Amino acid sequence: MARFSVVPSSYVFLRRDGAVMLQLRQNTGYMDGCWAAGAAGHVELGETAVDAAVREVREELGLDIAPAALTPIAVMQRTDGTDNPIEQRVDWFFVCDAWDGEPQILEPRKCAELGWFDLDALPERVPGYEREALAALRAGGTATLLQHGFAAR
């Protein structure tokens, strides 16, 4: 059996008045032109998924959030179905309802725009795996384990 590495990432959806903040990605080479989580990024060596989420929100949106303000939505193992090591991923999805500051674009090279979207009126171009996480958020309940891109068994 082949061994592979897993790329871990944390995603944060800010939520206000029933709407979630998404960013319009650009110039990254990955999902450009799609509306994606307001803040997201790889978990760095020595970080927890929660630590990475707090850091990404600060770096990308200029907001301070307390780790306790993050509510887990889902953990998702996903692949694109290839043996490409960078496409073997584990993602932690969080929602956050409380933060200090006003969201702003701090990485304008990567983010063209920020927008608030009702969970029932998401833009067409949302990555499929993030759309699944947002469906889990809309459904409520406790965090769920999701898989994406694997062949049905």
N, C-alpha and C. Protein backbone atom coordinates (compact mmCIF):
# COMPACT_ATOMS: atom_id res chain seq x y z
N MET A 1 0.85 -1.17 0.00
CA MET A 1 0.00 0.00 0.00
C MET A 1 0.90 1.24 0.00
N ALA A 2 0.55 2.19 -0.83
CA ALA A 2 1.33 3.42 -0.93
C ALA A 2 1.08 4.32 0.27
N ARG A 3 2.11 4.98 0.73
CA ARG A 3 1.97 5.96 1.80
C ARG A 3 1.82 7.34 1.19
N PHE A 4 1.17 8.23 1.91
CA PHE A 4 0.99 9.58 1.41
C PHE A 4 1.02 10.55 2.57
N SER A 5 1.21 11.80 2.25
CA SER A 5 1.14 12.86 3.24
C SER A 5 -0.26 13.46 3.19
N VAL A 6 -0.66 14.04 4.29
CA VAL A 6 -1.96 14.70 4.36
C VAL A 6 -1.73 16.19 4.59
N VAL A 7 -2.41 17.02 3.82
CA VAL A 7 -2.32 18.47 3.98
C VAL A 7 -3.47 18.90 4.89
N PRO A 8 -3.17 19.39 6.11
CA PRO A 8 -4.22 19.83 7.02
C PRO A 8 -4.50 21.32 6.87
N SER A 9 -5.78 21.68 6.91
CA SER A 9 -6.19 23.09 6.78
C SER A 9 -7.35 23.40 7.71
N SER A 10 -7.44 24.67 8.10
CA SER A 10 -8.56 25.16 8.90
C SER A 10 -9.30 26.22 8.11
N TYR A 11 -10.63 26.20 8.22
CA TYR A 11 -11.52 27.13 7.53
C TYR A 11 -12.43 27.79 8.56
N VAL A 12 -12.65 29.09 8.41
CA VAL A 12 -13.53 29.81 9.33
C VAL A 12 -14.58 30.57 8.53
N PHE A 13 -15.85 30.30 8.86
CA PHE A 13 -16.96 31.06 8.31
C PHE A 13 -17.45 32.00 9.41
N LEU A 14 -17.25 33.30 9.22
CA LEU A 14 -17.85 34.26 10.14
C LEU A 14 -19.34 34.30 9.85
N ARG A 15 -20.14 34.39 10.92
CA ARG A 15 -21.59 34.41 10.74
C ARG A 15 -22.18 35.61 11.45
N ARG A 16 -23.04 36.34 10.73
CA ARG A 16 -23.70 37.53 11.28
C ARG A 16 -25.11 37.59 10.69
N ASP A 17 -26.10 37.68 11.57
CA ASP A 17 -27.50 37.78 11.13
C ASP A 17 -27.89 36.69 10.14
N GLY A 18 -27.41 35.47 10.37
CA GLY A 18 -27.77 34.35 9.52
C GLY A 18 -26.99 34.24 8.22
N ALA A 19 -26.10 35.19 7.96
CA ALA A 19 -25.30 35.17 6.73
C ALA A 19 -23.85 34.82 7.08
N VAL A 20 -23.15 34.23 6.14
CA VAL A 20 -21.74 33.92 6.32
C VAL A 20 -20.89 34.77 5.40
N MET A 21 -19.69 35.10 5.88
CA MET A 21 -18.76 35.87 5.06
C MET A 21 -17.95 34.92 4.19
N LEU A 22 -17.87 35.26 2.92
CA LEU A 22 -17.03 34.53 1.97
C LEU A 22 -16.09 35.52 1.31
N GLN A 23 -14.95 35.00 0.84
CA GLN A 23 -14.00 35.83 0.11
C GLN A 23 -13.92 35.35 -1.34
N LEU A 24 -13.75 36.27 -2.26
CA LEU A 24 -13.58 35.94 -3.67
C LEU A 24 -12.09 35.76 -3.92
N ARG A 25 -11.68 34.53 -4.20
CA ARG A 25 -10.26 34.19 -4.36
C ARG A 25 -9.72 34.68 -5.71
N GLN A 26 -8.45 35.09 -5.70
CA GLN A 26 -7.78 35.48 -6.94
C GLN A 26 -6.28 35.27 -6.79
N ASN A 27 -5.60 35.03 -7.91
CA ASN A 27 -4.14 34.97 -8.00
C ASN A 27 -3.46 33.95 -7.10
N THR A 28 -4.17 32.89 -6.70
CA THR A 28 -3.54 31.88 -5.84
C THR A 28 -3.18 30.62 -6.61
N GLY A 29 -3.83 30.42 -7.75
CA GLY A 29 -3.63 29.18 -8.50
C GLY A 29 -4.50 28.04 -7.99
N TYR A 30 -5.32 28.30 -6.97
CA TYR A 30 -6.19 27.26 -6.41
C TYR A 30 -7.57 27.86 -6.15
N MET A 31 -8.54 27.42 -6.89
CA MET A 31 -9.93 27.86 -6.74
C MET A 31 -10.11 29.36 -6.98
N ASP A 32 -9.26 29.94 -7.81
CA ASP A 32 -9.42 31.36 -8.14
C ASP A 32 -10.77 31.56 -8.83
N GLY A 33 -11.42 32.68 -8.52
CA GLY A 33 -12.73 32.98 -9.08
C GLY A 33 -13.87 32.36 -8.30
N CYS A 34 -13.54 31.64 -7.23
CA CYS A 34 -14.57 31.03 -6.38
C CYS A 34 -14.74 31.84 -5.10
N TRP A 35 -15.94 31.80 -4.57
CA TRP A 35 -16.22 32.35 -3.25
C TRP A 35 -15.92 31.26 -2.25
N ALA A 36 -15.08 31.55 -1.28
CA ALA A 36 -14.63 30.55 -0.33
C ALA A 36 -14.70 31.12 1.09
N ALA A 37 -14.38 30.28 2.06
CA ALA A 37 -14.42 30.67 3.47
C ALA A 37 -13.73 32.01 3.68
N GLY A 38 -14.30 32.81 4.58
CA GLY A 38 -13.74 34.13 4.87
C GLY A 38 -12.28 34.10 5.24
N ALA A 39 -11.86 33.06 5.93
CA ALA A 39 -10.45 32.87 6.28
C ALA A 39 -10.16 31.38 6.27
N ALA A 40 -9.00 31.02 5.72
CA ALA A 40 -8.62 29.61 5.67
C ALA A 40 -7.13 29.51 5.39
N GLY A 41 -6.56 28.40 5.78
CA GLY A 41 -5.16 28.17 5.47
C GLY A 41 -4.66 26.89 6.10
N HIS A 42 -3.43 26.54 5.73
CA HIS A 42 -2.81 25.32 6.22
C HIS A 42 -2.48 25.42 7.70
N VAL A 43 -2.63 24.30 8.37
CA VAL A 43 -2.19 24.18 9.76
C VAL A 43 -0.67 24.02 9.71
N GLU A 44 0.03 24.89 10.43
CA GLU A 44 1.49 24.86 10.42
C GLU A 44 2.01 23.88 11.47
N LEU A 45 3.22 23.44 11.28
CA LEU A 45 3.86 22.51 12.21
C LEU A 45 3.79 23.06 13.63
N GLY A 46 3.32 22.25 14.56
CA GLY A 46 3.23 22.66 15.95
C GLY A 46 1.93 23.36 16.31
N GLU A 47 1.07 23.62 15.33
CA GLU A 47 -0.21 24.29 15.57
C GLU A 47 -1.33 23.25 15.67
N THR A 48 -2.34 23.60 16.44
CA THR A 48 -3.59 22.84 16.38
C THR A 48 -4.45 23.46 15.27
N ALA A 49 -5.51 22.76 14.91
CA ALA A 49 -6.44 23.29 13.92
C ALA A 49 -7.09 24.58 14.43
N VAL A 50 -7.37 24.65 15.73
CA VAL A 50 -7.95 25.86 16.32
C VAL A 50 -6.95 27.01 16.27
N ASP A 51 -5.69 26.74 16.64
CA ASP A 51 -4.66 27.78 16.57
C ASP A 51 -4.54 28.33 15.15
N ALA A 52 -4.55 27.45 14.17
CA ALA A 52 -4.45 27.88 12.77
C ALA A 52 -5.65 28.74 12.38
N ALA A 53 -6.83 28.37 12.82
CA ALA A 53 -8.04 29.14 12.50
C ALA A 53 -7.94 30.56 13.07
N VAL A 54 -7.53 30.67 14.33
CA VAL A 54 -7.38 31.99 14.97
C VAL A 54 -6.34 32.81 14.21
N ARG A 55 -5.22 32.20 13.86
CA ARG A 55 -4.15 32.91 13.14
C ARG A 55 -4.62 33.37 11.76
N GLU A 56 -5.28 32.50 11.02
CA GLU A 56 -5.73 32.85 9.68
C GLU A 56 -6.74 34.00 9.70
N VAL A 57 -7.64 34.01 10.67
CA VAL A 57 -8.60 35.11 10.78
C VAL A 57 -7.87 36.43 11.04
N ARG A 58 -6.87 36.39 11.89
CA ARG A 58 -6.09 37.60 12.19
C ARG A 58 -5.30 38.05 10.95
N GLU A 59 -4.62 37.11 10.27
CA GLU A 59 -3.79 37.45 9.11
C GLU A 59 -4.60 37.91 7.91
N GLU A 60 -5.73 37.27 7.65
CA GLU A 60 -6.49 37.56 6.44
C GLU A 60 -7.54 38.64 6.61
N LEU A 61 -8.12 38.74 7.82
CA LEU A 61 -9.24 39.66 8.02
C LEU A 61 -8.99 40.71 9.07
N GLY A 62 -7.87 40.62 9.81
CA GLY A 62 -7.53 41.61 10.83
C GLY A 62 -8.40 41.55 12.07
N LEU A 63 -8.97 40.40 12.34
CA LEU A 63 -9.87 40.25 13.49
C LEU A 63 -9.21 39.43 14.58
N ASP A 64 -9.54 39.76 15.82
CA ASP A 64 -9.13 38.95 16.96
C ASP A 64 -10.32 38.12 17.38
N ILE A 65 -10.10 36.81 17.45
CA ILE A 65 -11.14 35.91 17.94
C ILE A 65 -10.56 35.04 19.05
N ALA A 66 -11.39 34.70 19.98
CA ALA A 66 -10.99 33.78 21.04
C ALA A 66 -11.19 32.35 20.54
N PRO A 67 -10.28 31.46 20.88
CA PRO A 67 -10.48 30.06 20.47
C PRO A 67 -11.86 29.52 20.85
N ALA A 68 -12.37 29.93 22.01
CA ALA A 68 -13.68 29.45 22.46
C ALA A 68 -14.83 29.97 21.59
N ALA A 69 -14.56 30.99 20.77
CA ALA A 69 -15.60 31.53 19.88
C ALA A 69 -15.77 30.68 18.62
N LEU A 70 -14.89 29.73 18.41
CA LEU A 70 -14.96 28.85 17.24
C LEU A 70 -15.81 27.63 17.57
N THR A 71 -16.82 27.39 16.77
CA THR A 71 -17.65 26.20 16.91
C THR A 71 -17.36 25.28 15.74
N PRO A 72 -16.96 24.04 16.02
CA PRO A 72 -16.67 23.13 14.90
C PRO A 72 -17.94 22.77 14.14
N ILE A 73 -17.84 22.81 12.82
CA ILE A 73 -18.94 22.41 11.94
C ILE A 73 -18.72 20.99 11.47
N ALA A 74 -17.49 20.73 10.97
CA ALA A 74 -17.19 19.42 10.38
C ALA A 74 -15.68 19.24 10.29
N VAL A 75 -15.30 17.98 10.23
CA VAL A 75 -13.95 17.60 9.83
C VAL A 75 -14.14 16.78 8.56
N MET A 76 -13.38 17.13 7.54
CA MET A 76 -13.54 16.48 6.24
C MET A 76 -12.21 15.93 5.75
N GLN A 77 -12.20 14.65 5.42
CA GLN A 77 -11.07 14.08 4.69
C GLN A 77 -11.45 14.12 3.23
N ARG A 78 -10.56 14.66 2.38
CA ARG A 78 -10.93 14.76 0.97
C ARG A 78 -9.75 14.52 0.05
N THR A 79 -10.09 14.18 -1.16
CA THR A 79 -9.12 13.93 -2.22
C THR A 79 -9.76 14.32 -3.54
N ASP A 80 -8.93 14.50 -4.55
CA ASP A 80 -9.47 14.71 -5.89
C ASP A 80 -9.51 13.40 -6.67
N GLY A 81 -9.21 12.29 -5.98
CA GLY A 81 -9.26 10.97 -6.61
C GLY A 81 -7.96 10.55 -7.26
N THR A 82 -6.95 11.42 -7.22
CA THR A 82 -5.65 11.08 -7.78
C THR A 82 -4.70 10.67 -6.66
N ASP A 83 -3.48 10.28 -7.05
CA ASP A 83 -2.47 9.98 -6.03
C ASP A 83 -1.56 11.18 -5.78
N ASN A 84 -1.97 12.36 -6.24
CA ASN A 84 -1.21 13.59 -6.01
C ASN A 84 -1.18 13.88 -4.51
N PRO A 85 0.01 13.89 -3.90
CA PRO A 85 0.08 14.09 -2.45
C PRO A 85 -0.59 15.37 -1.96
N ILE A 86 -0.56 16.45 -2.74
CA ILE A 86 -1.14 17.71 -2.28
C ILE A 86 -2.67 17.66 -2.28
N GLU A 87 -3.24 16.64 -2.90
CA GLU A 87 -4.70 16.51 -2.93
C GLU A 87 -5.23 15.49 -1.92
N GLN A 88 -4.41 15.14 -0.94
CA GLN A 88 -4.84 14.28 0.17
C GLN A 88 -4.95 15.19 1.38
N ARG A 89 -6.15 15.54 1.76
CA ARG A 89 -6.35 16.63 2.71
C ARG A 89 -7.27 16.24 3.87
N VAL A 90 -7.06 16.93 4.97
CA VAL A 90 -7.97 16.89 6.12
C VAL A 90 -8.26 18.34 6.47
N ASP A 91 -9.54 18.69 6.49
CA ASP A 91 -9.96 20.07 6.72
C ASP A 91 -10.84 20.15 7.96
N TRP A 92 -10.58 21.17 8.77
CA TRP A 92 -11.43 21.49 9.92
C TRP A 92 -12.23 22.74 9.54
N PHE A 93 -13.54 22.67 9.67
CA PHE A 93 -14.43 23.80 9.37
C PHE A 93 -15.04 24.31 10.67
N PHE A 94 -14.95 25.63 10.86
CA PHE A 94 -15.48 26.28 12.05
C PHE A 94 -16.41 27.41 11.66
N VAL A 95 -17.35 27.73 12.54
CA VAL A 95 -18.16 28.94 12.42
C VAL A 95 -17.82 29.80 13.63
N CYS A 96 -17.85 31.11 13.41
CA CYS A 96 -17.54 32.07 14.48
C CYS A 96 -18.58 33.18 14.46
N ASP A 97 -19.21 33.41 15.63
CA ASP A 97 -20.26 34.42 15.75
C ASP A 97 -19.81 35.66 16.51
N ALA A 98 -18.59 35.65 17.08
CA ALA A 98 -18.13 36.78 17.90
C ALA A 98 -16.67 37.06 17.61
N TRP A 99 -16.37 38.34 17.36
CA TRP A 99 -15.00 38.76 17.09
C TRP A 99 -14.85 40.23 17.42
N ASP A 100 -13.61 40.63 17.54
CA ASP A 100 -13.30 42.05 17.77
C ASP A 100 -12.79 42.66 16.48
N GLY A 101 -13.36 43.81 16.10
CA GLY A 101 -12.94 44.51 14.89
C GLY A 101 -13.93 44.33 13.76
N GLU A 102 -13.63 44.98 12.64
CA GLU A 102 -14.43 44.86 11.42
C GLU A 102 -13.60 44.13 10.38
N PRO A 103 -14.17 43.12 9.72
CA PRO A 103 -13.40 42.38 8.71
C PRO A 103 -12.90 43.30 7.60
N GLN A 104 -11.64 43.09 7.23
CA GLN A 104 -11.05 43.83 6.13
C GLN A 104 -10.14 42.91 5.33
N ILE A 105 -9.91 43.24 4.10
CA ILE A 105 -9.04 42.44 3.24
C ILE A 105 -7.60 42.84 3.53
N LEU A 106 -6.84 41.93 4.14
CA LEU A 106 -5.43 42.21 4.44
C LEU A 106 -4.49 41.55 3.44
N GLU A 107 -5.03 40.69 2.56
CA GLU A 107 -4.23 40.05 1.52
C GLU A 107 -4.89 40.32 0.16
N PRO A 108 -4.83 41.59 -0.31
CA PRO A 108 -5.55 41.95 -1.53
C PRO A 108 -5.05 41.23 -2.78
N ARG A 109 -3.84 40.72 -2.76
CA ARG A 109 -3.35 39.96 -3.90
C ARG A 109 -4.12 38.65 -4.06
N LYS A 110 -4.59 38.07 -2.93
CA LYS A 110 -5.28 36.79 -2.94
C LYS A 110 -6.80 36.91 -2.86
N CYS A 111 -7.28 38.04 -2.36
CA CYS A 111 -8.72 38.21 -2.11
C CYS A 111 -9.22 39.45 -2.83
N ALA A 112 -10.13 39.27 -3.78
CA ALA A 112 -10.66 40.39 -4.55
C ALA A 112 -11.79 41.12 -3.84
N GLU A 113 -12.53 40.38 -2.99
CA GLU A 113 -13.73 40.96 -2.40
C GLU A 113 -14.19 40.10 -1.23
N LEU A 114 -14.87 40.72 -0.28
CA LEU A 114 -15.54 40.02 0.81
C LEU A 114 -17.04 40.25 0.64
N GLY A 115 -17.84 39.24 0.96
CA GLY A 115 -19.28 39.39 0.87
C GLY A 115 -19.99 38.54 1.90
N TRP A 116 -21.17 38.99 2.29
CA TRP A 116 -22.02 38.25 3.22
C TRP A 116 -23.12 37.58 2.42
N PHE A 117 -23.32 36.27 2.67
CA PHE A 117 -24.28 35.50 1.90
C PHE A 117 -25.15 34.67 2.83
N ASP A 118 -26.46 34.71 2.58
CA ASP A 118 -27.39 33.85 3.30
C ASP A 118 -27.08 32.40 2.93
N LEU A 119 -27.20 31.51 3.89
CA LEU A 119 -26.91 30.09 3.65
C LEU A 119 -27.83 29.49 2.60
N ASP A 120 -28.99 30.09 2.38
CA ASP A 120 -29.90 29.60 1.35
C ASP A 120 -29.73 30.32 0.02
N ALA A 121 -28.77 31.22 -0.06
CA ALA A 121 -28.54 31.98 -1.30
C ALA A 121 -27.04 32.16 -1.54
N LEU A 122 -26.32 31.04 -1.53
CA LEU A 122 -24.88 31.10 -1.75
C LEU A 122 -24.58 31.38 -3.22
N PRO A 123 -23.44 32.01 -3.50
CA PRO A 123 -23.08 32.22 -4.90
C PRO A 123 -22.88 30.88 -5.61
N GLU A 124 -22.98 30.90 -6.92
CA GLU A 124 -22.84 29.68 -7.71
C GLU A 124 -21.45 29.07 -7.57
N ARG A 125 -20.44 29.92 -7.61
CA ARG A 125 -19.06 29.42 -7.60
C ARG A 125 -18.51 29.32 -6.18
N VAL A 126 -18.89 28.26 -5.48
CA VAL A 126 -18.35 27.91 -4.16
C VAL A 126 -17.75 26.51 -4.35
N PRO A 127 -16.51 26.28 -3.90
CA PRO A 127 -15.94 24.93 -4.05
C PRO A 127 -16.88 23.88 -3.47
N GLY A 128 -17.00 22.75 -4.15
CA GLY A 128 -17.92 21.70 -3.74
C GLY A 128 -17.73 21.25 -2.30
N TYR A 129 -16.50 21.10 -1.89
CA TYR A 129 -16.25 20.63 -0.52
C TYR A 129 -16.66 21.69 0.51
N GLU A 130 -16.49 22.98 0.20
CA GLU A 130 -16.94 24.02 1.12
C GLU A 130 -18.46 24.11 1.13
N ARG A 131 -19.09 23.88 -0.01
CA ARG A 131 -20.55 23.86 -0.07
C ARG A 131 -21.10 22.76 0.85
N GLU A 132 -20.40 21.60 0.89
CA GLU A 132 -20.82 20.52 1.79
C GLU A 132 -20.70 20.95 3.25
N ALA A 133 -19.62 21.63 3.60
CA ALA A 133 -19.44 22.12 4.97
C ALA A 133 -20.52 23.15 5.32
N LEU A 134 -20.85 24.02 4.36
CA LEU A 134 -21.90 25.01 4.61
C LEU A 134 -23.26 24.35 4.74
N ALA A 135 -23.49 23.24 4.03
CA ALA A 135 -24.74 22.49 4.20
C ALA A 135 -24.80 21.89 5.60
N ALA A 136 -23.66 21.42 6.12
CA ALA A 136 -23.62 20.90 7.49
C ALA A 136 -23.92 22.02 8.48
N LEU A 137 -23.41 23.23 8.22
CA LEU A 137 -23.71 24.37 9.09
C LEU A 137 -25.20 24.69 9.05
N ARG A 138 -25.77 24.72 7.86
CA ARG A 138 -27.20 25.02 7.70
C ARG A 138 -28.05 23.98 8.44
N ALA A 139 -27.60 22.71 8.43
CA ALA A 139 -28.35 21.64 9.08
C ALA A 139 -28.27 21.71 10.60
N GLY A 140 -27.27 22.44 11.12
CA GLY A 140 -27.13 22.57 12.57
C GLY A 140 -26.62 21.29 13.20
N GLY A 141 -26.80 21.16 14.49
CA GLY A 141 -26.36 19.95 15.17
C GLY A 141 -24.88 20.01 15.51
N THR A 142 -24.33 18.86 15.79
CA THR A 142 -22.93 18.79 16.21
C THR A 142 -22.03 18.60 15.00
N ALA A 143 -20.74 18.75 15.23
CA ALA A 143 -19.76 18.58 14.15
C ALA A 143 -19.90 17.19 13.56
N THR A 144 -19.66 17.10 12.28
CA THR A 144 -19.82 15.84 11.57
C THR A 144 -18.53 15.49 10.84
N LEU A 145 -18.35 14.23 10.53
CA LEU A 145 -17.21 13.76 9.78
C LEU A 145 -17.65 13.60 8.33
N LEU A 146 -16.94 14.23 7.42
CA LEU A 146 -17.29 14.19 6.01
C LEU A 146 -16.13 13.64 5.19
N GLN A 147 -16.44 12.98 4.09
CA GLN A 147 -15.44 12.57 3.11
C GLN A 147 -15.85 13.12 1.77
N HIS A 148 -14.88 13.52 0.97
CA HIS A 148 -15.18 14.13 -0.33
C HIS A 148 -14.19 13.63 -1.35
N GLY A 149 -14.70 13.16 -2.49
CA GLY A 149 -13.84 12.79 -3.60
C GLY A 149 -13.43 11.33 -3.63
N PHE A 150 -13.85 10.54 -2.67
CA PHE A 150 -13.50 9.13 -2.65
C PHE A 150 -14.56 8.32 -3.39
N ALA A 151 -14.13 7.21 -3.98
CA ALA A 151 -15.07 6.33 -4.67
C ALA A 151 -16.03 5.73 -3.66
N ALA A 152 -17.28 5.56 -4.08
CA ALA A 152 -18.29 4.95 -3.20
C ALA A 152 -17.88 3.52 -2.89
N ARG A 153 -18.12 3.09 -1.66
CA ARG A 153 -17.76 1.72 -1.26
C ARG A 153 -19.01 0.95 -0.90
